[in-house]
Protein backbone atom coordinates (compact mmCIF):
# COMPACT_ATOMS: atom_id res chain seq x y z
CA MET A 1 114.86 70.49 115.75
CA VAL A 2 114.67 68.63 112.11
CA ASN A 3 117.12 69.30 109.58
CA LEU A 4 116.64 71.10 106.49
CA SER A 5 119.10 72.42 103.91
CA ALA A 6 120.17 75.91 103.61
CA ASN A 7 117.86 76.60 100.76
CA THR A 8 114.67 75.62 101.77
CA LEU A 9 115.02 77.78 105.23
CA THR A 10 115.41 80.80 103.64
CA MET A 11 112.15 79.97 101.59
CA ALA A 12 110.39 79.97 104.49
CA VAL A 13 111.42 82.42 105.95
CA GLN A 14 111.10 84.31 102.94
CA GLY A 15 107.87 82.51 102.58
CA VAL A 16 106.64 83.41 105.94
CA ASN A 17 107.92 87.25 105.96
CA ALA A 18 105.83 87.70 102.35
CA GLU A 19 102.44 86.43 103.92
CA ILE A 20 103.07 88.94 107.48
CA ARG A 21 103.48 92.10 104.62
CA ARG A 22 100.96 91.08 102.65
CA LEU A 23 97.98 90.62 105.87
CA ARG A 24 99.72 94.01 106.89
CA ASP A 25 99.61 95.75 103.83
CA SER A 26 95.78 94.37 103.35
CA VAL A 27 94.80 97.11 106.05
CA GLY A 28 97.36 99.81 105.75
CA GLY A 29 99.53 98.80 108.31
CA ASP A 30 97.47 99.11 111.18
CA VAL A 31 96.55 95.13 112.19
CA THR A 32 93.82 96.31 114.36
CA ASP A 33 91.34 97.07 111.54
CA LEU A 34 92.20 92.70 110.53
CA GLU A 35 88.83 90.47 110.92
CA PRO A 36 89.77 88.95 114.05
CA ASP A 37 90.26 85.46 111.92
CA ASP A 38 93.77 87.36 109.82
CA GLN A 39 94.87 89.03 113.51
CA GLU A 40 94.85 85.32 114.36
CA LEU A 41 96.38 83.67 111.20
CA LEU A 42 98.94 87.16 111.89
CA LEU A 43 99.76 86.22 115.51
CA ALA A 44 100.50 82.09 113.68
CA PHE A 45 102.70 83.73 111.17
CA SER A 46 104.94 85.99 113.66
CA GLN A 47 105.48 82.95 115.96
CA ALA A 48 106.52 81.10 113.01
CA ALA A 49 108.71 83.79 111.91
CA MET A 50 110.26 84.44 114.90
CA GLU A 51 110.97 80.73 115.12
CA LEU A 52 112.62 80.55 111.86
CA LYS A 53 114.86 83.27 112.54
CA ALA A 54 116.37 81.69 115.20
CA ALA A 55 116.65 78.23 112.98
CA TYR A 56 118.38 80.88 110.54
CA LEU A 57 120.92 82.37 112.63
CA GLU A 58 121.90 79.01 113.83
CA VAL A 59 122.42 77.88 110.30
CA SER A 60 124.30 80.72 108.59
CA LYS A 61 126.72 79.98 111.53
CA SER A 62 127.98 77.15 109.65
CA THR A 63 126.59 77.88 106.59
CA PRO A 64 128.57 79.92 104.49
CA GLY A 65 127.26 82.18 101.70
CA MET A 66 123.51 82.88 103.40
CA LEU A 67 122.72 86.28 103.20
CA PRO A 68 122.52 88.25 106.72
CA TYR A 69 118.89 87.27 107.96
CA GLU A 70 117.91 91.13 107.57
CA GLN A 71 118.37 91.43 104.77
CA LEU A 72 116.91 88.25 104.00
CA ILE A 73 113.27 90.23 105.39
CA ARG A 74 113.91 93.48 103.69
CA THR A 75 111.65 95.29 101.66
CA ASP A 76 112.91 97.38 99.70
CA PRO A 77 114.26 96.42 96.34
CA VAL A 78 117.83 95.06 95.83
CA ALA A 79 119.48 97.90 93.46
């Protein structure tokens, strides 16, 4: 695997997650209403998200101060 900084990995996780949310939000959450190209794009982003999650969890084991993954991708505003 390519070595990425914790910051770069964090930004990649957040960016992919934001794009997944954008695609889902564009159809009110019902992904079956997405155009076929957008369904394919959502699948690609979802697969990337799984790979990034695995990498993030691995890096977070040896990098102090990284947020827990679930907190990183949460959609509700932080109080």
